[in-house]
Amino acid sequence: MKDKIVLITGANSGIGKAAALKFAMEGYKVVMACRNLERSRVAQEEIMKTSNNANVNLMELDVSSFESIRRFCVNFKAQYPRLDILIHNAAYLNYGEKEYKLSPDQIELSFATNTFGPFLMTRLLEDHLEKSDDPRILNACTTNIKHFFDPKRKIDFDNLRGELRETKPYRVYKMYGDSKMGLLMLTFKLAEVLKSRQIKVNALEINRVKLSKETIQNMSPVWRILGMAQNLINPLPASMAENYFHICTSEEFEKVSGQLFNHKLEIVQPARSTKGLAQVKNILGSGSYPPYAARTENIEKIWSLAMSFTEE
């Protein structure tokens, strides 16, 4: 795999770092796309030393900034002849945040980082992905989308620039879940759009894993305590990194596109029923996702916003 090129955003900690190590151990050329280069160099050196693979490159990228994404893609294309695997792993979830934060492009920061940034990056790298003989894209989703089994839950499409900040309190987990739902719906749409170019696009529902020290340090005091307690029982990120690798490299999923995988590497289906015992199974199980994600009007709305927000 010495000629295969994998690009992973947010690869300096957590699942992203574990995935970068896994691909490096398997002999891939790994590009770590990270916002903080100084902190990320430590992770880069550790990965190269552990894997005995010198082909681990570190490039600067702020996924919340369209300018940074455009600059990154220009630099990436200048350095690499193609892209085989693109993993959108970076995410924004600022535990304990109580105020709206906007990106440099004046988009609510969760959506800028988790939804529209990955969308723009994918579109800018389409041509390079098409040069691969087996191009695959993986979007990191979350079990948080299960909240959409509540029929009242919806994305506030009219608040993606913080328009309602004066009347609607900021809820960090809602924005995180909504932005990841947006990413899932864009996964479905991109799979259709890129089908003719043989580019596969899938998503993975991330279960809880041990949080990195960096993540815990950035938490407010109360969340920091909860995070440390959670780490006592949650599995290591390496288990989810193995799923990243299998989805993006195995012959088993070579032709699979437009799907959501769970942590067992099963393809998740839209729920057939959201009533009674079926709804209990939806919420407690891992075999279905909310019908909200499959509704054409919701997919077309987030697609339209993604196109309009990212046009120059």
C-alpha atoms as a PDB file:
ATOM      1  CA  MET A   1       0.000   0.000   0.000  1.00  0.00           C
ATOM      2  CA  LYS A   2       3.025   2.291  -0.235  1.00  0.00           C
ATOM      3  CA  ASP A   3       1.454   4.254  -3.088  1.00  0.00           C
ATOM      4  CA  LYS A   4      -2.011   4.646  -1.545  1.00  0.00           C
ATOM      5  CA  ILE A   5      -2.726   8.117  -0.164  1.00  0.00           C
ATOM      6  CA  VAL A   6      -5.125   8.694   2.737  1.00  0.00           C
ATOM      7  CA  LEU A   7      -6.116  12.121   4.034  1.00  0.00           C
ATOM      8  CA  ILE A   8      -7.505  12.350   7.580  1.00  0.00           C
ATOM      9  CA  THR A   9      -8.775  15.553   9.159  1.00  0.00           C
ATOM     10  CA  GLY A  10      -8.334  16.052  12.903  1.00  0.00           C
ATOM     11  CA  ALA A  11      -5.631  13.382  12.965  1.00  0.00           C
ATOM     12  CA  ASN A  12      -3.668  14.660  15.962  1.00  0.00           C
ATOM     13  CA  SER A  13      -5.770  13.052  18.720  1.00  0.00           C
ATOM     14  CA  GLY A  14      -8.519  10.555  19.499  1.00  0.00           C
ATOM     15  CA  ILE A  15      -9.918   8.408  16.715  1.00  0.00           C
ATOM     16  CA  GLY A  16      -8.218  10.503  14.039  1.00  0.00           C
ATOM     17  CA  LYS A  17      -4.785   9.859  15.505  1.00  0.00           C
ATOM     18  CA  ALA A  18      -5.542   6.162  15.978  1.00  0.00           C
ATOM     19  CA  ALA A  19      -6.678   5.969  12.345  1.00  0.00           C
ATOM     20  CA  ALA A  20      -3.563   7.765  11.110  1.00  0.00           C
ATOM     21  CA  LEU A  21      -1.443   5.251  13.014  1.00  0.00           C
ATOM     22  CA  LYS A  22      -3.420   2.303  11.612  1.00  0.00           C
ATOM     23  CA  PHE A  23      -3.001   3.437   8.022  1.00  0.00           C
ATOM     24  CA  ALA A  24       0.682   4.231   8.603  1.00  0.00           C
ATOM     25  CA  MET A  25       1.231   0.775  10.089  1.00  0.00           C
ATOM     26  CA  GLU A  26      -0.308  -0.696   6.932  1.00  0.00           C
ATOM     27  CA  GLY A  27       2.113   1.234   4.734  1.00  0.00           C
ATOM     28  CA  TYR A  28      -0.131   4.001   3.424  1.00  0.00           C
ATOM     29  CA  LYS A  29       1.006   7.529   2.690  1.00  0.00           C
ATOM     30  CA  VAL A  30      -0.819   9.452   5.409  1.00  0.00           C
ATOM     31  CA  VAL A  31      -1.691  13.136   5.333  1.00  0.00           C
ATOM     32  CA  MET A  32      -2.686  14.531   8.708  1.00  0.00           C
ATOM     33  CA  ALA A  33      -4.816  17.640   8.153  1.00  0.00           C
ATOM     34  CA  CYS A  34      -4.793  19.540  11.460  1.00  0.00           C
ATOM     35  CA  ARG A  35      -5.468  23.029  12.742  1.00  0.00           C
ATOM     36  CA  ASN A  36      -2.733  23.265  15.390  1.00  0.00           C
ATOM     37  CA  LEU A  37       0.573  22.326  13.732  1.00  0.00           C
ATOM     38  CA  GLU A  38       2.709  22.760  16.840  1.00  0.00           C
ATOM     39  CA  ARG A  39       0.663  20.308  18.872  1.00  0.00           C
ATOM     40  CA  SER A  40       0.167  18.002  15.914  1.00  0.00           C
ATOM     41  CA  ARG A  41       3.881  17.567  15.218  1.00  0.00           C
ATOM     42  CA  VAL A  42       4.188  15.568  18.426  1.00  0.00           C
ATOM     43  CA  ALA A  43       1.502  13.172  17.182  1.00  0.00           C
ATOM     44  CA  GLN A  44       3.091  13.031  13.730  1.00  0.00           C
ATOM     45  CA  GLU A  45       6.489  12.080  15.119  1.00  0.00           C
ATOM     46  CA  GLU A  46       4.936   9.474  17.403  1.00  0.00           C
ATOM     47  CA  ILE A  47       3.045   7.890  14.500  1.00  0.00           C
ATOM     48  CA  MET A  48       6.128   7.797  12.266  1.00  0.00           C
ATOM     49  CA  LYS A  49       8.250   6.253  15.008  1.00  0.00           C
ATOM     50  CA  THR A  50       5.680   3.636  16.032  1.00  0.00           C
ATOM     51  CA  SER A  51       4.814   2.649  12.455  1.00  0.00           C
ATOM     52  CA  ASN A  52       8.336   2.954  11.048  1.00  0.00           C
ATOM     53  CA  ASN A  53       6.697   4.837   8.200  1.00  0.00           C
ATOM     54  CA  ALA A  54       8.276   8.132   7.131  1.00  0.00           C
ATOM     55  CA  ASN A  55       5.432   8.916   4.725  1.00  0.00           C
ATOM     56  CA  VAL A  56       3.325  10.719   7.301  1.00  0.00           C
ATOM     57  CA  ASN A  57       2.834  14.333   6.296  1.00  0.00           C
ATOM     58  CA  LEU A  58       1.324  17.122   8.368  1.00  0.00           C
ATOM     59  CA  MET A  59      -0.594  19.932   6.671  1.00  0.00           C
ATOM     60  CA  GLU A  60      -2.397  22.893   8.171  1.00  0.00           C
ATOM     61  CA  LEU A  61      -6.192  22.935   7.928  1.00  0.00           C
ATOM     62  CA  ASP A  62      -8.989  24.658   9.809  1.00  0.00           C
ATOM     63  CA  VAL A  63     -12.129  22.821   8.673  1.00  0.00           C
ATOM     64  CA  SER A  64     -14.351  25.639   9.948  1.00  0.00           C
ATOM     65  CA  SER A  65     -12.776  28.148   7.529  1.00  0.00           C
ATOM     66  CA  PHE A  66     -13.569  28.012   3.826  1.00  0.00           C
ATOM     67  CA  GLU A  67     -10.461  30.073   3.056  1.00  0.00           C
ATOM     68  CA  SER A  68      -8.311  27.560   4.946  1.00  0.00           C
ATOM     69  CA  ILE A  69      -9.980  24.652   3.117  1.00  0.00           C
ATOM     70  CA  ARG A  70      -9.407  26.216  -0.292  1.00  0.00           C
ATOM     71  CA  ARG A  71      -5.770  26.968   0.533  1.00  0.00           C
ATOM     72  CA  PHE A  72      -5.250  23.444   1.848  1.00  0.00           C
ATOM     73  CA  CYS A  73      -6.724  21.831  -1.264  1.00  0.00           C
ATOM     74  CA  VAL A  74      -4.499  23.897  -3.554  1.00  0.00           C
ATOM     75  CA  ASN A  75      -1.421  22.845  -1.555  1.00  0.00           C
ATOM     76  CA  PHE A  76      -2.514  19.207  -1.402  1.00  0.00           C
ATOM     77  CA  LYS A  77      -3.030  18.995  -5.154  1.00  0.00           C
ATOM     78  CA  ALA A  78       0.404  20.530  -5.712  1.00  0.00           C
ATOM     79  CA  GLN A  79       2.063  17.867  -3.557  1.00  0.00           C
ATOM     80  CA  TYR A  80       0.101  14.719  -4.415  1.00  0.00           C
ATOM     81  CA  PRO A  81      -0.908  13.245  -7.801  1.00  0.00           C
ATOM     82  CA  ARG A  82      -4.265  11.914  -6.529  1.00  0.00           C
ATOM     83  CA  LEU A  83      -6.227  11.036  -3.391  1.00  0.00           C
ATOM     84  CA  ASP A  84      -7.367   7.490  -2.623  1.00  0.00           C
ATOM     85  CA  ILE A  85      -9.140   7.882   0.722  1.00  0.00           C
ATOM     86  CA  LEU A  86     -10.648  10.971   2.353  1.00  0.00           C
ATOM     87  CA  ILE A  87     -11.764  10.686   5.983  1.00  0.00           C
ATOM     88  CA  HIS A  88     -13.682  13.609   7.469  1.00  0.00           C
ATOM     89  CA  ASN A  89     -12.914  12.973  11.124  1.00  0.00           C
ATOM     90  CA  ALA A  90     -12.451  16.493  12.557  1.00  0.00           C
ATOM     91  CA  ALA A  91     -15.420  17.829  14.493  1.00  0.00           C
ATOM     92  CA  TYR A  92     -16.429  20.697  16.739  1.00  0.00           C
ATOM     93  CA  LEU A  93     -18.127  19.900  20.053  1.00  0.00           C
ATOM     94  CA  ASN A  94     -17.253  22.446  22.711  1.00  0.00           C
ATOM     95  CA  TYR A  95     -18.566  20.864  25.900  1.00  0.00           C
ATOM     96  CA  GLY A  96     -20.263  23.375  28.158  1.00  0.00           C
ATOM     97  CA  GLU A  97     -20.462  26.111  25.515  1.00  0.00           C
ATOM     98  CA  LYS A  98     -23.474  28.358  26.124  1.00  0.00           C
ATOM     99  CA  GLU A  99     -23.094  31.013  23.446  1.00  0.00           C
ATOM    100  CA  TYR A 100     -23.338  30.998  19.665  1.00  0.00           C
ATOM    101  CA  LYS A 101     -19.967  30.953  17.947  1.00  0.00           C
ATOM    102  CA  LEU A 102     -19.612  31.797  14.276  1.00  0.00           C
ATOM    103  CA  SER A 103     -16.958  30.688  11.811  1.00  0.00           C
ATOM    104  CA  PRO A 104     -14.880  33.158   9.739  1.00  0.00           C
ATOM    105  CA  ASP A 105     -17.621  32.748   7.103  1.00  0.00           C
ATOM    106  CA  GLN A 106     -20.308  33.719   9.647  1.00  0.00           C
ATOM    107  CA  ILE A 107     -21.774  30.221   9.925  1.00  0.00           C
ATOM    108  CA  GLU A 108     -22.590  28.646  13.281  1.00  0.00           C
ATOM    109  CA  LEU A 109     -19.357  26.909  14.242  1.00  0.00           C
ATOM    110  CA  SER A 110     -20.778  23.387  14.636  1.00  0.00           C
ATOM    111  CA  PHE A 111     -22.263  23.455  11.142  1.00  0.00           C
ATOM    112  CA  ALA A 112     -19.213  25.163   9.639  1.00  0.00           C
ATOM    113  CA  THR A 113     -16.890  22.468  11.004  1.00  0.00           C
ATOM    114  CA  ASN A 114     -19.057  19.358  10.963  1.00  0.00           C
ATOM    115  CA  THR A 115     -21.210  19.879   7.876  1.00  0.00           C
ATOM    116  CA  PHE A 116     -20.285  22.562   5.376  1.00  0.00           C
ATOM    117  CA  GLY A 117     -16.491  22.373   5.757  1.00  0.00           C
ATOM    118  CA  PRO A 118     -16.377  18.668   4.870  1.00  0.00           C
ATOM    119  CA  PHE A 119     -18.811  19.316   2.000  1.00  0.00           C
ATOM    120  CA  LEU A 120     -16.605  22.032   0.477  1.00  0.00           C
ATOM    121  CA  MET A 121     -13.461  19.970   0.940  1.00  0.00           C
ATOM    122  CA  THR A 122     -15.054  16.989  -0.796  1.00  0.00           C
ATOM    123  CA  ARG A 123     -16.140  19.072  -3.771  1.00  0.00           C
ATOM    124  CA  LEU A 124     -12.692  20.655  -4.126  1.00  0.00           C
ATOM    125  CA  LEU A 125     -10.965  17.250  -4.045  1.00  0.00           C
ATOM    126  CA  GLU A 126     -13.343  15.396  -6.374  1.00  0.00           C
ATOM    127  CA  ASP A 127     -10.983  15.560  -9.346  1.00  0.00           C
ATOM    128  CA  HIS A 128      -8.092  14.187  -7.311  1.00  0.00           C
ATOM    129  CA  LEU A 129     -10.245  11.403  -5.895  1.00  0.00           C
ATOM    130  CA  GLU A 130     -11.385  10.457  -9.395  1.00  0.00           C
ATOM    131  CA  LYS A 131      -7.755   9.740 -10.320  1.00  0.00           C
ATOM    132  CA  SER A 132      -7.708   6.848  -7.824  1.00  0.00           C
ATOM    133  CA  ASP A 133      -8.633   3.326  -8.916  1.00  0.00           C
ATOM    134  CA  ASP A 134     -10.713   2.916  -5.739  1.00  0.00           C
ATOM    135  CA  PRO A 135     -11.675   6.317  -4.285  1.00  0.00           C
ATOM    136  CA  ARG A 136     -13.547   6.271  -0.986  1.00  0.00           C
ATOM    137  CA  ILE A 137     -14.851   8.964   1.346  1.00  0.00           C
ATOM    138  CA  LEU A 138     -15.863   8.348   4.950  1.00  0.00           C
ATOM    139  CA  ASN A 139     -17.756  10.857   7.087  1.00  0.00           C
ATOM    140  CA  ALA A 140     -17.669  10.482  10.868  1.00  0.00           C
ATOM    141  CA  CYS A 141     -21.240  10.629  12.151  1.00  0.00           C
ATOM    142  CA  THR A 142     -22.555  10.062  15.702  1.00  0.00           C
ATOM    143  CA  THR A 143     -25.137   8.151  17.722  1.00  0.00           C
ATOM    144  CA  ASN A 144     -26.381  11.603  18.765  1.00  0.00           C
ATOM    145  CA  ILE A 145     -28.572  11.576  15.638  1.00  0.00           C
ATOM    146  CA  LYS A 146     -30.877   9.147  17.485  1.00  0.00           C
ATOM    147  CA  HIS A 147     -32.482  12.219  19.054  1.00  0.00           C
ATOM    148  CA  PHE A 148     -34.166  12.666  15.670  1.00  0.00           C
ATOM    149  CA  PHE A 149     -36.350   9.677  16.456  1.00  0.00           C
ATOM    150  CA  ASP A 150     -38.296  12.319  18.366  1.00  0.00           C
ATOM    151  CA  PRO A 151     -40.832  13.477  15.722  1.00  0.00           C
ATOM    152  CA  LYS A 152     -40.517  17.048  17.024  1.00  0.00           C
ATOM    153  CA  ARG A 153     -36.757  17.182  16.474  1.00  0.00           C
ATOM    154  CA  LYS A 154     -35.623  19.065  13.388  1.00  0.00           C
ATOM    155  CA  ILE A 155     -32.721  21.108  12.121  1.00  0.00           C
ATOM    156  CA  ASP A 156     -33.329  24.833  12.516  1.00  0.00           C
ATOM    157  CA  PHE A 157     -32.378  25.709   8.953  1.00  0.00           C
ATOM    158  CA  ASP A 158     -33.191  29.367   9.659  1.00  0.00           C
ATOM    159  CA  ASN A 159     -30.613  29.558  12.462  1.00  0.00           C
ATOM    160  CA  LEU A 160     -27.421  28.290  10.804  1.00  0.00           C
ATOM    161  CA  ARG A 161     -25.862  31.748  10.991  1.00  0.00           C
ATOM    162  CA  GLY A 162     -27.065  32.332  14.534  1.00  0.00           C
ATOM    163  CA  GLU A 163     -30.031  34.390  13.351  1.00  0.00           C
ATOM    164  CA  LEU A 164     -32.077  33.353  16.376  1.00  0.00           C
ATOM    165  CA  ARG A 165     -29.409  33.916  19.007  1.00  0.00           C
ATOM    166  CA  GLU A 166     -31.502  36.578  20.743  1.00  0.00           C
ATOM    167  CA  THR A 167     -34.554  34.347  21.123  1.00  0.00           C
ATOM    168  CA  LYS A 168     -33.277  30.747  21.116  1.00  0.00           C
ATOM    169  CA  PRO A 169     -30.752  29.583  23.761  1.00  0.00           C
ATOM    170  CA  TYR A 170     -27.644  27.838  22.462  1.00  0.00           C
ATOM    171  CA  ARG A 171     -27.636  24.098  23.162  1.00  0.00           C
ATOM    172  CA  VAL A 172     -24.290  22.547  22.357  1.00  0.00           C
ATOM    173  CA  TYR A 173     -25.496  18.958  21.990  1.00  0.00           C
ATOM    174  CA  LYS A 174     -28.406  19.964  19.780  1.00  0.00           C
ATOM    175  CA  MET A 175     -26.141  21.895  17.432  1.00  0.00           C
ATOM    176  CA  TYR A 176     -23.677  19.008  17.383  1.00  0.00           C
ATOM    177  CA  GLY A 177     -26.382  16.441  16.638  1.00  0.00           C
ATOM    178  CA  ASP A 178     -28.048  18.682  14.054  1.00  0.00           C
ATOM    179  CA  SER A 179     -24.773  19.338  12.259  1.00  0.00           C
ATOM    180  CA  LYS A 180     -23.961  15.632  12.150  1.00  0.00           C
ATOM    181  CA  MET A 181     -27.448  14.891  10.836  1.00  0.00           C
ATOM    182  CA  GLY A 182     -26.708  17.450   8.135  1.00  0.00           C
ATOM    183  CA  LEU A 183     -23.470  15.637   7.322  1.00  0.00           C
ATOM    184  CA  LEU A 184     -25.297  12.306   7.095  1.00  0.00           C
ATOM    185  CA  MET A 185     -27.839  13.718   4.660  1.00  0.00           C
ATOM    186  CA  LEU A 186     -25.042  15.227   2.563  1.00  0.00           C
ATOM    187  CA  THR A 187     -23.415  11.770   2.568  1.00  0.00           C
ATOM    188  CA  PHE A 188     -26.519  10.332   0.913  1.00  0.00           C
ATOM    189  CA  LYS A 189     -26.690  13.134  -1.655  1.00  0.00           C
ATOM    190  CA  LEU A 190     -22.953  13.142  -2.453  1.00  0.00           C
ATOM    191  CA  ALA A 191     -23.063   9.386  -3.030  1.00  0.00           C
ATOM    192  CA  GLU A 192     -25.637  10.004  -5.773  1.00  0.00           C
ATOM    193  CA  VAL A 193     -23.798  12.967  -7.274  1.00  0.00           C
ATOM    194  CA  LEU A 194     -20.401  11.227  -7.335  1.00  0.00           C
ATOM    195  CA  LYS A 195     -21.635   7.811  -8.452  1.00  0.00           C
ATOM    196  CA  SER A 196     -20.782   8.480 -12.087  1.00  0.00           C
ATOM    197  CA  ARG A 197     -17.196   9.244 -11.055  1.00  0.00           C
ATOM    198  CA  GLN A 198     -16.915   5.933  -9.158  1.00  0.00           C
ATOM    199  CA  ILE A 199     -16.329   7.765  -5.856  1.00  0.00           C
ATOM    200  CA  LYS A 200     -17.883   5.951  -2.891  1.00  0.00           C
ATOM    201  CA  VAL A 201     -19.230   8.042  -0.006  1.00  0.00           C
ATOM    202  CA  ASN A 202     -20.288   6.511   3.311  1.00  0.00           C
ATOM    203  CA  ALA A 203     -20.732   7.496   6.953  1.00  0.00           C
ATOM    204  CA  LEU A 204     -19.892   5.771  10.227  1.00  0.00           C
ATOM    205  CA  GLU A 205     -21.936   6.172  13.413  1.00  0.00           C
ATOM    206  CA  ILE A 206     -19.376   6.771  16.155  1.00  0.00           C
ATOM    207  CA  ASN A 207     -20.055   5.199  19.544  1.00  0.00           C
ATOM    208  CA  ARG A 208     -18.494   6.578  22.690  1.00  0.00           C
ATOM    209  CA  VAL A 209     -14.750   6.062  23.020  1.00  0.00           C
ATOM    210  CA  LYS A 210     -12.142   7.278  25.484  1.00  0.00           C
ATOM    211  CA  LEU A 211     -11.664  11.020  25.116  1.00  0.00           C
ATOM    212  CA  SER A 212      -8.202  12.397  24.464  1.00  0.00           C
ATOM    213  CA  LYS A 213      -6.360  14.454  27.077  1.00  0.00           C
ATOM    214  CA  GLU A 214      -6.588  17.452  24.755  1.00  0.00           C
ATOM    215  CA  THR A 215     -10.361  17.153  24.538  1.00  0.00           C
ATOM    216  CA  ILE A 216     -10.765  16.850  28.300  1.00  0.00           C
ATOM    217  CA  GLN A 217      -8.476  19.805  28.943  1.00  0.00           C
ATOM    218  CA  ASN A 218     -10.666  21.991  26.727  1.00  0.00           C
ATOM    219  CA  MET A 219     -13.798  21.161  28.738  1.00  0.00           C
ATOM    220  CA  SER A 220     -15.376  23.278  31.425  1.00  0.00           C
ATOM    221  CA  PRO A 221     -14.748  21.955  34.988  1.00  0.00           C
ATOM    222  CA  VAL A 222     -18.038  20.035  35.258  1.00  0.00           C
ATOM    223  CA  TRP A 223     -17.696  18.442  31.834  1.00  0.00           C
ATOM    224  CA  ARG A 224     -14.059  17.621  32.576  1.00  0.00           C
ATOM    225  CA  ILE A 225     -15.118  15.523  35.565  1.00  0.00           C
ATOM    226  CA  LEU A 226     -17.773  13.761  33.476  1.00  0.00           C
ATOM    227  CA  GLY A 227     -15.259  13.157  30.698  1.00  0.00           C
ATOM    228  CA  MET A 228     -12.749  11.555  33.042  1.00  0.00           C
ATOM    229  CA  ALA A 229     -15.480   9.354  34.518  1.00  0.00           C
ATOM    230  CA  GLN A 230     -16.580   8.319  31.026  1.00  0.00           C
ATOM    231  CA  ASN A 231     -13.021   7.326  30.149  1.00  0.00           C
ATOM    232  CA  LEU A 232     -13.068   4.677  32.881  1.00  0.00           C
ATOM    233  CA  ILE A 233     -15.548   2.542  30.952  1.00  0.00           C
ATOM    234  CA  ASN A 234     -15.331   3.541  27.292  1.00  0.00           C
ATOM    235  CA  PRO A 235     -13.198   1.614  24.752  1.00  0.00           C
ATOM    236  CA  LEU A 236     -10.012   2.976  23.206  1.00  0.00           C
ATOM    237  CA  PRO A 237     -10.226   4.937  19.923  1.00  0.00           C
ATOM    238  CA  ALA A 238      -8.258   2.164  18.177  1.00  0.00           C
ATOM    239  CA  SER A 239     -11.408   0.041  17.897  1.00  0.00           C
ATOM    240  CA  MET A 240     -13.195   2.721  15.876  1.00  0.00           C
ATOM    241  CA  ALA A 241     -10.032   3.372  13.849  1.00  0.00           C
ATOM    242  CA  GLU A 242     -10.157  -0.268  12.775  1.00  0.00           C
ATOM    243  CA  ASN A 243     -13.655   0.426  11.442  1.00  0.00           C
ATOM    244  CA  TYR A 244     -12.370   3.447   9.514  1.00  0.00           C
ATOM    245  CA  PHE A 245      -9.732   1.243   7.931  1.00  0.00           C
ATOM    246  CA  HIS A 246     -12.055  -1.624   7.041  1.00  0.00           C
ATOM    247  CA  ILE A 247     -14.720   0.565   5.454  1.00  0.00           C
ATOM    248  CA  CYS A 248     -12.123   2.446   3.409  1.00  0.00           C
ATOM    249  CA  THR A 249      -9.950  -0.468   2.254  1.00  0.00           C
ATOM    250  CA  SER A 250     -11.777  -3.806   2.303  1.00  0.00           C
ATOM    251  CA  GLU A 251     -13.062  -5.638  -0.755  1.00  0.00           C
ATOM    252  CA  GLU A 252     -16.238  -6.258   1.245  1.00  0.00           C
ATOM    253  CA  PHE A 253     -17.255  -2.598   0.926  1.00  0.00           C
ATOM    254  CA  GLU A 254     -15.573  -1.819  -2.389  1.00  0.00           C
ATOM    255  CA  LYS A 255     -18.897  -1.214  -4.165  1.00  0.00           C
ATOM    256  CA  VAL A 256     -20.852   0.163  -1.191  1.00  0.00           C
ATOM    257  CA  SER A 257     -21.850   3.827  -1.271  1.00  0.00           C
ATOM    258  CA  GLY A 258     -24.467   6.078   0.261  1.00  0.00           C
ATOM    259  CA  GLN A 259     -24.719   4.042   3.466  1.00  0.00           C
ATOM    260  CA  LEU A 260     -24.444   4.573   7.208  1.00  0.00           C
ATOM    261  CA  PHE A 261     -22.473   1.947   9.156  1.00  0.00           C
ATOM    262  CA  ASN A 262     -22.803   1.272  12.869  1.00  0.00           C
ATOM    263  CA  HIS A 263     -19.952   0.324  15.218  1.00  0.00           C
ATOM    264  CA  LYS A 264     -20.455  -3.350  14.291  1.00  0.00           C
ATOM    265  CA  LEU A 265     -19.855  -2.503  10.618  1.00  0.00           C
ATOM    266  CA  GLU A 266     -23.469  -3.300   9.828  1.00  0.00           C
ATOM    267  CA  ILE A 267     -25.295  -1.126   7.318  1.00  0.00           C
ATOM    268  CA  VAL A 268     -27.930   0.862   9.199  1.00  0.00           C
ATOM    269  CA  GLN A 269     -31.377   1.155   7.624  1.00  0.00           C
ATOM    270  CA  PRO A 270     -34.009   3.893   7.984  1.00  0.00           C
ATOM    271  CA  ALA A 271     -36.506   2.965  10.676  1.00  0.00           C
ATOM    272  CA  ARG A 272     -39.688   1.383   9.329  1.00  0.00           C
ATOM    273  CA  SER A 273     -41.719   2.365  12.374  1.00  0.00           C
ATOM    274  CA  THR A 274     -41.299   4.900  15.162  1.00  0.00           C
ATOM    275  CA  LYS A 275     -44.100   3.697  17.383  1.00  0.00           C
ATOM    276  CA  GLY A 276     -44.336   1.486  20.473  1.00  0.00           C
ATOM    277  CA  LEU A 277     -41.800  -1.308  20.873  1.00  0.00           C
ATOM    278  CA  ALA A 278     -40.326  -0.539  17.467  1.00  0.00           C
ATOM    279  CA  GLN A 279     -39.355   2.925  18.700  1.00  0.00           C
ATOM    280  CA  VAL A 280     -37.744   1.470  21.834  1.00  0.00           C
ATOM    281  CA  LYS A 281     -35.699  -0.827  19.603  1.00  0.00           C
ATOM    282  CA  ASN A 282     -34.748   2.125  17.394  1.00  0.00           C
ATOM    283  CA  ILE A 283     -33.439   4.108  20.337  1.00  0.00           C
ATOM    284  CA  LEU A 284     -31.686   1.300  22.214  1.00  0.00           C
ATOM    285  CA  GLY A 285     -30.449  -0.633  19.182  1.00  0.00           C
ATOM    286  CA  SER A 286     -27.994   0.151  16.427  1.00  0.00           C
ATOM    287  CA  GLY A 287     -29.770  -1.141  13.338  1.00  0.00           C
ATOM    288  CA  SER A 288     -31.831   1.866  12.270  1.00  0.00           C
ATOM    289  CA  TYR A 289     -31.540   5.602  11.807  1.00  0.00           C
ATOM    290  CA  PRO A 290     -34.285   8.271  12.035  1.00  0.00           C
ATOM    291  CA  PRO A 291     -36.583   8.634   8.989  1.00  0.00           C
ATOM    292  CA  TYR A 292     -35.780  12.362   9.091  1.00  0.00           C
ATOM    293  CA  ALA A 293     -32.445  11.606   7.418  1.00  0.00           C
ATOM    294  CA  ALA A 294     -34.058   9.897   4.438  1.00  0.00           C
ATOM    295  CA  ARG A 295     -36.683  12.524   3.618  1.00  0.00           C
ATOM    296  CA  THR A 296     -36.031  14.116   0.259  1.00  0.00           C
ATOM    297  CA  GLU A 297     -37.110  17.599   1.332  1.00  0.00           C
ATOM    298  CA  ASN A 298     -34.588  17.598   4.210  1.00  0.00           C
ATOM    299  CA  ILE A 299     -31.754  16.311   2.014  1.00  0.00           C
ATOM    300  CA  GLU A 300     -32.465  18.847  -0.708  1.00  0.00           C
ATOM    301  CA  LYS A 301     -32.649  21.680   1.847  1.00  0.00           C
ATOM    302  CA  ILE A 302     -29.237  20.947   3.383  1.00  0.00           C
ATOM    303  CA  TRP A 303     -27.780  20.398  -0.096  1.00  0.00           C
ATOM    304  CA  SER A 304     -29.107  23.750  -1.285  1.00  0.00           C
ATOM    305  CA  LEU A 305     -27.684  25.516   1.770  1.00  0.00           C
ATOM    306  CA  ALA A 306     -24.320  23.775   1.352  1.00  0.00           C
ATOM    307  CA  MET A 307     -24.139  24.897  -2.274  1.00  0.00           C
ATOM    308  CA  SER A 308     -25.085  28.494  -1.476  1.00  0.00           C
ATOM    309  CA  PHE A 309     -22.868  28.818   1.618  1.00  0.00           C
ATOM    310  CA  THR A 310     -19.748  27.504  -0.129  1.00  0.00           C
ATOM    311  CA  GLU A 311     -20.001  29.275  -3.475  1.00  0.00           C
ATOM    312  CA  GLU A 312     -17.352  31.925  -3.969  1.00  0.00           C
END
